[in-house]
Amino acid sequence: MNNSKRLKVAGIVLPALVLYIYFLPPFPFFLALLLCVCVLAMREFYVMYRVPQRLHLPAIVIGAALFYVSCRHTYYLIDAIFLSLCLLFILRLILVDTPSGSMKEVGPLCVGFFYISGFLSFQWFLREIISGTEYLFLLYTSVWLADTAAYYAGTYFGKNKLYPAVSPNKTLEGAFGSILGGAAGALIIKLLFSIYSLTFMTTIVIGIILGIAAVTGDLIESMFKRDAGIKDSSGLIPGHGGILDKIDSLLISAPVLYLLLRSI
């Protein structure tokens, strides 16, 4: 992977993303951003598993609606999940005239709903329910530094494989770098935003847990990609892969941070 291309793209995207999130109202702007990410990531996931377009296009629409309901009308979430699954089954029944391969097609559609649409909604919960942009930046900074530290620690010091069956290039040294990067990111945001509700020790523990969650999220997406027989979810972002490749760590880390903050 071209490292200079990675840095150039990050240098353009990251400042714009920070300004967008910090200065614009969460509704509709942040919600619209998450909704776009949700749609693009779901499409990549369904294309990855070669789900026919006649099924995955309506599934993306249903998944986007489910995401919106989970963020804006949580009270109706159980009803929305039930209706979404029913619609999926009915679409498969109507649009394809053979039962052969039904589980192979419906399975990825259902997983995409919960893995992407469901987990992504926790970033909205962090902003609106926990009520703090600072916690959102704590998530993003910790995960970004965790991923960055894992990459460089693995590249320069990596000798012991972490989970070669799922991701041959990941190492224990890289995972340790992820833990250090997560802790550093959490401390930076605590100091930058003066988050007095978190002690230094609590912040470090949260950062460590986020570093572990980031590695786990990366491995989960790697598991899906190896199962599907591909390297990147898409080539949408030069030098970085697809949208799903960029949010894989966040999909696991955001629910983890939300639950941690709710419990302290």
Protein backbone atom coordinates (compact mmCIF):
# COMPACT_ATOMS: atom_id res chain seq x y z
CA MET A 1 0.00 0.00 0.00
CA ASN A 2 1.34 3.43 -0.94
CA ASN A 3 2.00 5.13 2.42
CA SER A 4 2.42 8.62 0.92
CA LYS A 5 -0.97 8.31 -0.74
CA ARG A 6 -2.48 7.26 2.60
CA LEU A 7 -1.01 10.33 4.30
CA LYS A 8 -2.15 12.72 1.56
CA VAL A 9 -5.73 11.48 1.69
CA ALA A 10 -5.74 11.56 5.51
CA GLY A 11 -4.30 15.10 5.49
CA ILE A 12 -7.24 16.30 3.39
CA VAL A 13 -10.08 14.27 4.85
CA LEU A 14 -9.33 14.41 8.60
CA PRO A 15 -9.31 18.23 9.03
CA ALA A 16 -12.47 18.57 6.93
CA LEU A 17 -14.18 15.86 9.00
CA VAL A 18 -13.20 17.50 12.30
CA LEU A 19 -14.55 20.90 11.17
CA TYR A 20 -17.74 19.33 9.83
CA ILE A 21 -18.50 17.48 13.06
CA TYR A 22 -17.45 20.25 15.45
CA PHE A 23 -19.14 23.28 13.88
CA LEU A 24 -22.29 21.93 12.20
CA PRO A 25 -25.43 20.89 14.14
CA PRO A 26 -25.71 17.12 14.62
CA PHE A 27 -29.15 17.09 13.00
CA PRO A 28 -29.28 16.95 10.07
CA PHE A 29 -25.57 17.24 9.23
CA PHE A 30 -23.88 14.57 11.37
CA LEU A 31 -26.81 12.21 10.92
CA ALA A 32 -26.63 12.72 7.14
CA LEU A 33 -22.91 11.94 7.20
CA LEU A 34 -23.48 8.72 9.13
CA LEU A 35 -26.35 7.79 6.83
CA CYS A 36 -24.14 8.20 3.75
CA VAL A 37 -21.42 6.08 5.38
CA CYS A 38 -24.04 3.47 6.27
CA VAL A 39 -25.33 3.23 2.69
CA LEU A 40 -21.85 3.03 1.13
CA ALA A 41 -20.58 0.47 3.65
CA MET A 42 -23.66 -1.72 3.24
CA ARG A 43 -23.27 -1.65 -0.52
CA GLU A 44 -19.62 -2.71 -0.21
CA PHE A 45 -20.58 -5.54 2.14
CA TYR A 46 -23.30 -6.86 -0.18
CA VAL A 47 -21.12 -6.58 -3.28
CA MET A 48 -18.34 -8.33 -1.34
CA TYR A 49 -20.66 -11.30 -0.80
CA ARG A 50 -21.97 -11.13 -4.36
CA VAL A 51 -25.59 -10.62 -3.33
CA PRO A 52 -27.60 -9.96 -6.53
CA GLN A 53 -28.30 -6.29 -7.19
CA ARG A 54 -32.05 -6.85 -7.33
CA LEU A 55 -31.82 -7.88 -3.68
CA HIS A 56 -29.06 -5.71 -2.26
CA LEU A 57 -30.37 -2.39 -3.62
CA PRO A 58 -33.75 -2.60 -1.82
CA ALA A 59 -31.91 -4.03 1.21
CA ILE A 60 -29.73 -0.90 1.35
CA VAL A 61 -32.85 1.29 1.34
CA ILE A 62 -34.38 -0.79 4.13
CA GLY A 63 -31.09 -0.72 6.07
CA ALA A 64 -30.87 3.07 5.74
CA ALA A 65 -34.43 3.41 7.02
CA LEU A 66 -33.60 1.09 9.93
CA PHE A 67 -30.54 3.20 10.74
CA TYR A 68 -32.63 6.40 10.75
CA VAL A 69 -35.24 4.85 13.04
CA SER A 70 -32.59 3.57 15.45
CA CYS A 71 -31.11 7.07 15.68
CA ARG A 72 -34.20 9.27 15.68
CA HIS A 73 -37.05 7.04 16.85
CA THR A 74 -35.46 4.46 19.14
CA TYR A 75 -38.80 3.64 20.73
CA TYR A 76 -39.88 1.97 17.46
CA LEU A 77 -36.59 0.11 16.89
CA ILE A 78 -37.94 -3.38 17.70
CA ASP A 79 -40.87 -2.83 15.34
CA ALA A 80 -38.49 -1.55 12.65
CA ILE A 81 -36.22 -4.60 12.98
CA PHE A 82 -39.18 -6.96 12.69
CA LEU A 83 -40.57 -5.16 9.62
CA SER A 84 -37.13 -4.95 8.01
CA LEU A 85 -36.50 -8.68 8.32
CA CYS A 86 -40.00 -9.48 7.04
CA LEU A 87 -39.45 -7.25 4.01
CA LEU A 88 -36.14 -8.97 3.28
CA PHE A 89 -37.70 -12.41 3.35
CA ILE A 90 -40.63 -11.29 1.21
CA LEU A 91 -38.30 -9.64 -1.32
CA ARG A 92 -36.28 -12.85 -1.65
CA LEU A 93 -39.48 -14.84 -2.04
CA ILE A 94 -40.88 -12.57 -4.76
CA LEU A 95 -37.79 -11.46 -6.71
CA VAL A 96 -36.10 -14.87 -7.03
CA ASP A 97 -38.15 -17.78 -8.35
CA THR A 98 -36.11 -20.57 -6.76
CA PRO A 99 -35.40 -21.43 -3.11
CA SER A 100 -31.88 -22.51 -4.04
CA GLY A 101 -29.29 -20.21 -2.46
CA SER A 102 -31.82 -18.34 -0.34
CA MET A 103 -29.82 -18.62 2.89
CA LYS A 104 -26.62 -17.71 1.07
CA GLU A 105 -28.26 -14.47 -0.11
CA VAL A 106 -30.44 -13.59 2.88
CA GLY A 107 -27.64 -14.29 5.40
CA PRO A 108 -25.33 -11.44 4.29
CA LEU A 109 -28.33 -9.08 3.98
CA CYS A 110 -29.30 -9.68 7.62
CA VAL A 111 -25.71 -9.48 8.89
CA GLY A 112 -25.25 -6.21 6.99
CA PHE A 113 -28.23 -4.73 8.82
CA PHE A 114 -26.86 -5.39 12.28
CA TYR A 115 -23.11 -5.26 11.65
CA ILE A 116 -23.20 -1.94 9.79
CA SER A 117 -26.51 -0.17 10.32
CA GLY A 118 -26.88 -1.29 13.94
CA PHE A 119 -23.32 -0.78 15.16
CA LEU A 120 -22.89 2.50 13.28
CA SER A 121 -25.84 4.04 15.13
CA PHE A 122 -23.81 4.03 18.37
CA GLN A 123 -21.79 6.97 17.04
CA TRP A 124 -25.04 8.93 16.98
CA PHE A 125 -25.86 7.73 20.51
CA LEU A 126 -22.48 8.99 21.72
CA ARG A 127 -23.22 12.43 20.30
CA GLU A 128 -26.85 12.71 21.36
CA ILE A 129 -27.48 10.46 24.38
CA ILE A 130 -24.09 10.80 26.07
CA SER A 131 -24.37 14.42 24.88
CA GLY A 132 -20.83 15.32 24.08
CA THR A 133 -18.85 16.04 20.95
CA GLU A 134 -15.77 15.47 23.09
CA TYR A 135 -16.65 11.79 23.53
CA LEU A 136 -17.09 11.41 19.80
CA PHE A 137 -13.63 12.90 19.25
CA LEU A 138 -12.28 10.65 22.03
CA LEU A 139 -13.58 7.69 20.04
CA TYR A 140 -12.21 8.88 16.71
CA THR A 141 -8.82 9.96 18.04
CA SER A 142 -8.28 6.81 20.08
CA VAL A 143 -9.23 4.52 17.20
CA TRP A 144 -7.23 6.52 14.64
CA LEU A 145 -4.10 6.51 16.82
CA ALA A 146 -4.69 2.84 17.67
CA ASP A 147 -4.84 1.93 13.97
CA THR A 148 -1.83 4.12 13.15
CA ALA A 149 0.29 2.80 16.03
CA ALA A 150 -0.70 -0.78 15.13
CA TYR A 151 0.38 -0.22 11.52
CA TYR A 152 3.81 1.20 12.36
CA ALA A 153 4.49 -1.11 15.32
CA GLY A 154 3.59 -4.09 13.16
CA THR A 155 5.66 -2.83 10.22
CA TYR A 156 8.86 -2.10 12.16
CA PHE A 157 8.69 -4.48 15.13
CA GLY A 158 6.20 -7.17 14.16
CA LYS A 159 7.53 -10.72 14.46
CA ASN A 160 4.81 -12.76 16.19
CA LYS A 161 1.61 -13.37 14.26
CA LEU A 162 -1.63 -12.40 15.98
CA TYR A 163 -4.21 -14.43 14.02
CA PRO A 164 -2.70 -15.62 10.72
CA ALA A 165 -5.79 -17.58 9.63
CA VAL A 166 -7.80 -14.34 9.52
CA SER A 167 -5.18 -11.65 8.92
CA PRO A 168 -1.66 -12.91 8.05
CA ASN A 169 -0.02 -9.49 8.37
CA LYS A 170 -1.25 -8.59 11.86
CA THR A 171 1.14 -9.17 14.74
CA LEU A 172 1.11 -9.18 18.52
CA GLU A 173 3.47 -6.20 18.41
CA GLY A 174 0.98 -4.35 16.24
CA ALA A 175 -1.83 -5.17 18.68
CA PHE A 176 0.28 -3.81 21.54
CA GLY A 177 0.84 -0.66 19.49
CA SER A 178 -2.93 -0.38 19.06
CA ILE A 179 -3.40 -0.50 22.84
CA LEU A 180 -0.79 2.24 23.38
CA GLY A 181 -2.28 4.35 20.60
CA GLY A 182 -5.79 4.00 22.02
CA ALA A 183 -4.62 5.11 25.48
CA ALA A 184 -2.67 8.05 24.02
CA GLY A 185 -5.66 9.19 21.95
CA ALA A 186 -7.99 9.11 24.96
CA LEU A 187 -5.54 11.15 27.06
CA ILE A 188 -5.06 13.73 24.31
CA ILE A 189 -8.80 14.37 24.05
CA LYS A 190 -9.26 14.46 27.83
CA LEU A 191 -6.64 17.19 28.07
CA LEU A 192 -7.74 19.02 24.93
CA PHE A 193 -11.43 19.16 25.90
CA SER A 194 -10.87 19.26 29.67
CA ILE A 195 -13.13 16.28 30.36
CA TYR A 196 -13.29 16.54 34.16
CA SER A 197 -15.83 13.71 34.48
CA LEU A 198 -13.08 11.21 33.60
CA THR A 199 -10.06 10.69 35.83
CA PHE A 200 -6.68 10.10 34.22
CA MET A 201 -6.73 6.43 35.20
CA THR A 202 -10.28 5.95 33.87
CA THR A 203 -9.27 7.65 30.64
CA ILE A 204 -6.24 5.38 30.22
CA VAL A 205 -8.36 2.27 30.87
CA ILE A 206 -10.97 3.44 28.35
CA GLY A 207 -8.22 4.08 25.80
CA ILE A 208 -6.73 0.63 26.34
CA ILE A 209 -10.13 -1.01 25.90
CA LEU A 210 -10.72 1.03 22.73
CA GLY A 211 -7.33 -0.09 21.41
CA ILE A 212 -8.34 -3.73 21.96
CA ALA A 213 -11.77 -3.07 20.39
CA ALA A 214 -10.10 -1.46 17.36
CA VAL A 215 -7.98 -4.56 16.72
CA THR A 216 -11.06 -6.75 17.21
CA GLY A 217 -13.09 -4.70 14.75
CA ASP A 218 -10.30 -4.92 12.19
CA LEU A 219 -10.09 -8.69 12.61
CA ILE A 220 -13.85 -9.10 12.24
CA GLU A 221 -13.84 -7.30 8.89
CA SER A 222 -10.76 -9.27 7.83
CA MET A 223 -12.69 -12.45 8.65
CA PHE A 224 -15.51 -11.38 6.33
CA LYS A 225 -13.10 -10.31 3.57
CA ARG A 226 -11.15 -13.56 3.66
CA ASP A 227 -14.40 -15.50 3.60
CA ALA A 228 -15.47 -13.49 0.54
CA GLY A 229 -12.03 -13.85 -1.07
CA ILE A 230 -11.16 -10.15 -1.40
CA LYS A 231 -8.41 -7.84 -0.09
CA ASP A 232 -10.27 -4.50 0.24
CA SER A 233 -13.99 -3.84 0.56
CA SER A 234 -13.64 -1.49 -2.45
CA GLY A 235 -11.21 0.95 -4.06
CA LEU A 236 -13.28 4.03 -3.22
CA ILE A 237 -10.61 5.81 -1.15
CA PRO A 238 -7.17 5.92 -2.85
CA GLY A 239 -4.56 4.16 -0.74
CA HIS A 240 -7.09 3.23 1.94
CA GLY A 241 -9.55 0.80 0.35
CA GLY A 242 -13.27 1.19 0.91
CA ILE A 243 -15.53 2.86 3.43
CA LEU A 244 -15.95 -0.40 5.32
CA ASP A 245 -12.16 -0.72 5.57
CA LYS A 246 -12.02 2.69 7.26
CA ILE A 247 -14.86 2.17 9.74
CA ASP A 248 -14.27 -1.47 10.70
CA SER A 249 -12.55 -0.54 13.97
CA LEU A 250 -15.20 2.08 14.77
CA LEU A 251 -18.06 -0.37 14.29
CA ILE A 252 -16.90 -2.29 17.37
CA SER A 253 -15.27 0.57 19.32
CA ALA A 254 -18.30 2.90 19.30
CA PRO A 255 -20.68 0.46 21.07
CA VAL A 256 -17.89 -0.42 23.52
CA LEU A 257 -17.28 3.25 24.40
CA TYR A 258 -21.01 3.92 24.69
CA LEU A 259 -21.47 1.04 27.13
CA LEU A 260 -18.38 2.08 29.12
CA LEU A 261 -19.61 5.65 29.48
CA ARG A 262 -23.10 4.50 30.45
CA SER A 263 -21.62 2.34 33.21
CA ILE A 264 -19.39 4.95 34.91
